[in-house]
């Protein structure tokens, strides 16, 4: 159990980890990181020709039975 001073508030969901002799309390990540990342990417300009990946040179594998 960790007792925090009265003027310190802990996040509702937290991750506690040890770094040597120190305990580090961080807010837990919640869902939505992917959504925010996609929203940021949506505002960016399309990739230039030099930034695009080349087309795949191999065809898809043929189906097989196990």
N, C-alpha and C. Protein backbone atom coordinates (compact mmCIF):
# COMPACT_ATOMS: atom_id res chain seq x y z
N UNK A 1 0.85 -1.17 0.00
CA UNK A 1 0.00 0.00 0.00
C UNK A 1 0.89 1.23 0.00
N UNK A 2 0.49 2.21 -0.80
CA UNK A 2 1.25 3.45 -0.89
C UNK A 2 0.37 4.58 -0.38
N UNK A 3 0.90 5.36 0.53
CA UNK A 3 0.18 6.53 1.05
C UNK A 3 0.73 7.77 0.37
N UNK A 4 -0.16 8.52 -0.26
CA UNK A 4 0.24 9.75 -0.93
C UNK A 4 -0.10 10.94 -0.06
N UNK A 5 0.70 12.01 -0.15
CA UNK A 5 0.36 13.22 0.59
C UNK A 5 -1.03 13.72 0.17
N UNK A 6 -1.69 14.46 1.05
CA UNK A 6 -3.06 14.91 0.81
C UNK A 6 -3.18 15.78 -0.45
N UNK A 7 -2.14 16.53 -0.78
CA UNK A 7 -2.22 17.42 -1.93
C UNK A 7 -1.87 16.74 -3.26
N UNK A 8 -1.58 15.44 -3.23
CA UNK A 8 -1.24 14.69 -4.44
C UNK A 8 -2.40 13.77 -4.77
N UNK A 9 -2.86 13.83 -6.02
CA UNK A 9 -3.93 12.94 -6.44
C UNK A 9 -3.37 11.92 -7.42
N UNK A 10 -3.80 10.72 -7.28
CA UNK A 10 -3.37 9.65 -8.18
C UNK A 10 -4.41 9.51 -9.29
N UNK A 11 -3.98 9.08 -10.47
CA UNK A 11 -4.95 8.85 -11.54
C UNK A 11 -5.92 7.75 -11.17
N UNK A 12 -7.10 7.79 -11.78
CA UNK A 12 -8.11 6.78 -11.50
C UNK A 12 -7.59 5.37 -11.79
N UNK A 13 -6.99 5.20 -12.96
CA UNK A 13 -6.37 3.94 -13.33
C UNK A 13 -4.88 4.21 -13.48
N UNK A 14 -4.08 3.47 -12.73
CA UNK A 14 -2.65 3.75 -12.73
C UNK A 14 -1.83 2.48 -12.90
N UNK A 15 -0.62 2.68 -13.40
CA UNK A 15 0.36 1.61 -13.52
C UNK A 15 1.48 1.96 -12.56
N UNK A 16 1.84 1.03 -11.70
CA UNK A 16 2.92 1.25 -10.75
C UNK A 16 4.08 0.36 -11.14
N UNK A 17 5.25 0.95 -11.29
CA UNK A 17 6.43 0.15 -11.64
C UNK A 17 7.60 0.58 -10.78
N UNK A 18 8.57 -0.28 -10.68
CA UNK A 18 9.74 -0.01 -9.86
C UNK A 18 10.91 0.32 -10.77
N UNK A 19 11.65 1.35 -10.41
CA UNK A 19 12.86 1.74 -11.13
C UNK A 19 13.96 1.84 -10.06
N UNK A 20 14.66 0.72 -9.85
CA UNK A 20 15.64 0.68 -8.77
C UNK A 20 14.94 0.78 -7.44
N UNK A 21 15.26 1.78 -6.66
CA UNK A 21 14.62 1.99 -5.36
C UNK A 21 13.39 2.88 -5.44
N UNK A 22 13.06 3.35 -6.64
CA UNK A 22 11.94 4.27 -6.80
C UNK A 22 10.70 3.55 -7.30
N UNK A 23 9.54 3.98 -6.84
CA UNK A 23 8.26 3.52 -7.37
C UNK A 23 7.73 4.63 -8.26
N UNK A 24 7.32 4.27 -9.46
CA UNK A 24 6.81 5.26 -10.39
C UNK A 24 5.34 4.96 -10.65
N UNK A 25 4.50 5.96 -10.47
CA UNK A 25 3.06 5.83 -10.68
C UNK A 25 2.71 6.65 -11.91
N UNK A 26 2.15 5.98 -12.92
CA UNK A 26 1.78 6.66 -14.16
C UNK A 26 0.33 6.36 -14.49
N UNK A 27 -0.33 7.27 -15.20
CA UNK A 27 -1.70 6.96 -15.63
C UNK A 27 -1.70 5.76 -16.56
N UNK A 28 -2.68 4.91 -16.42
CA UNK A 28 -2.80 3.75 -17.31
C UNK A 28 -3.30 4.23 -18.65
N UNK A 29 -2.81 3.61 -19.70
CA UNK A 29 -3.28 3.96 -21.03
C UNK A 29 -4.68 3.40 -21.21
N UNK A 30 -5.48 4.19 -21.81
CA UNK A 30 -6.85 3.75 -22.09
C UNK A 30 -7.01 3.62 -23.58
N UNK A 31 -8.02 2.90 -23.99
CA UNK A 31 -8.29 2.74 -25.41
C UNK A 31 -8.44 4.09 -26.09
N UNK A 32 -8.28 4.12 -27.38
CA UNK A 32 -8.45 5.36 -28.10
C UNK A 32 -7.17 5.88 -28.71
N UNK A 33 -6.02 5.30 -28.36
CA UNK A 33 -4.78 5.77 -28.93
C UNK A 33 -4.77 5.58 -30.44
N UNK A 34 -5.27 4.44 -30.90
CA UNK A 34 -5.31 4.18 -32.33
C UNK A 34 -6.24 5.17 -33.02
N UNK A 35 -7.38 5.43 -32.40
CA UNK A 35 -8.33 6.38 -32.98
C UNK A 35 -7.69 7.75 -33.12
N UNK A 36 -7.00 8.22 -32.08
CA UNK A 36 -6.36 9.53 -32.17
C UNK A 36 -5.27 9.56 -33.22
N UNK A 37 -4.52 8.46 -33.32
CA UNK A 37 -3.46 8.40 -34.32
C UNK A 37 -4.06 8.46 -35.73
N UNK A 38 -5.13 7.73 -35.96
CA UNK A 38 -5.78 7.75 -37.28
C UNK A 38 -6.33 9.14 -37.59
N UNK A 39 -6.86 9.84 -36.59
CA UNK A 39 -7.36 11.20 -36.80
C UNK A 39 -6.23 12.15 -37.18
N UNK A 40 -5.07 11.98 -36.56
CA UNK A 40 -3.92 12.82 -36.90
C UNK A 40 -3.46 12.52 -38.32
N UNK A 41 -3.36 11.24 -38.67
CA UNK A 41 -2.93 10.86 -40.01
C UNK A 41 -3.90 11.38 -41.07
N UNK A 42 -5.18 11.43 -40.75
CA UNK A 42 -6.18 11.88 -41.72
C UNK A 42 -5.96 13.35 -42.09
N UNK A 43 -5.33 14.13 -41.23
CA UNK A 43 -5.11 15.55 -41.52
C UNK A 43 -3.82 15.78 -42.30
N UNK A 44 -2.98 14.76 -42.44
CA UNK A 44 -1.71 14.92 -43.14
C UNK A 44 -1.89 14.78 -44.65
N UNK A 45 -0.97 15.38 -45.38
CA UNK A 45 -0.99 15.30 -46.83
C UNK A 45 -0.68 13.86 -47.28
N UNK A 46 -1.14 13.47 -48.46
CA UNK A 46 -0.83 12.13 -48.96
C UNK A 46 0.68 11.96 -49.13
N UNK A 47 1.13 10.72 -49.14
CA UNK A 47 2.55 10.42 -49.32
C UNK A 47 2.99 10.81 -50.72
N UNK A 48 4.22 11.29 -50.82
CA UNK A 48 4.80 11.59 -52.12
C UNK A 48 5.27 10.31 -52.78
N UNK A 49 5.61 10.39 -54.06
CA UNK A 49 6.07 9.20 -54.80
C UNK A 49 7.27 8.54 -54.14
N UNK A 50 8.20 9.34 -53.61
CA UNK A 50 9.41 8.79 -53.00
C UNK A 50 9.14 8.14 -51.64
N UNK A 51 7.96 8.35 -51.06
CA UNK A 51 7.63 7.79 -49.75
C UNK A 51 6.80 6.52 -49.83
N UNK A 52 6.30 6.20 -51.00
CA UNK A 52 5.42 5.03 -51.15
C UNK A 52 6.22 3.75 -51.25
N UNK A 53 5.60 2.67 -50.81
CA UNK A 53 6.23 1.36 -50.92
C UNK A 53 6.10 0.84 -52.34
N UNK A 54 7.08 0.09 -52.83
CA UNK A 54 6.95 -0.48 -54.17
C UNK A 54 5.88 -1.57 -54.17
N UNK A 55 5.30 -1.86 -55.32
CA UNK A 55 4.29 -2.93 -55.37
C UNK A 55 4.92 -4.27 -55.01
N UNK A 56 4.12 -5.15 -54.46
CA UNK A 56 4.61 -6.48 -54.08
C UNK A 56 4.99 -7.25 -55.34
N UNK A 57 6.15 -7.90 -55.29
CA UNK A 57 6.62 -8.62 -56.47
C UNK A 57 6.15 -10.08 -56.47
N UNK A 58 5.67 -10.56 -55.33
CA UNK A 58 5.21 -11.95 -55.26
C UNK A 58 3.70 -11.98 -55.23
N UNK A 59 3.16 -13.04 -55.80
CA UNK A 59 1.70 -13.20 -55.74
C UNK A 59 1.34 -13.83 -54.39
N UNK A 60 0.07 -13.81 -54.09
CA UNK A 60 -0.40 -14.41 -52.83
C UNK A 60 -0.17 -15.91 -52.86
N UNK A 61 0.06 -16.53 -51.70
CA UNK A 61 0.28 -17.98 -51.68
C UNK A 61 -0.99 -18.73 -52.09
N UNK A 62 -0.77 -19.92 -52.67
CA UNK A 62 -1.90 -20.75 -53.07
C UNK A 62 -2.49 -21.43 -51.83
N UNK A 63 -3.80 -21.63 -51.84
CA UNK A 63 -4.42 -22.33 -50.70
C UNK A 63 -3.95 -23.79 -50.64
N UNK A 64 -3.95 -24.36 -49.44
CA UNK A 64 -3.57 -25.76 -49.28
C UNK A 64 -4.34 -26.34 -48.10
N UNK A 65 -4.41 -27.64 -48.05
CA UNK A 65 -5.10 -28.33 -46.94
C UNK A 65 -4.07 -28.90 -45.98
N UNK A 66 -4.40 -28.85 -44.72
CA UNK A 66 -3.52 -29.43 -43.70
C UNK A 66 -3.87 -30.87 -43.47
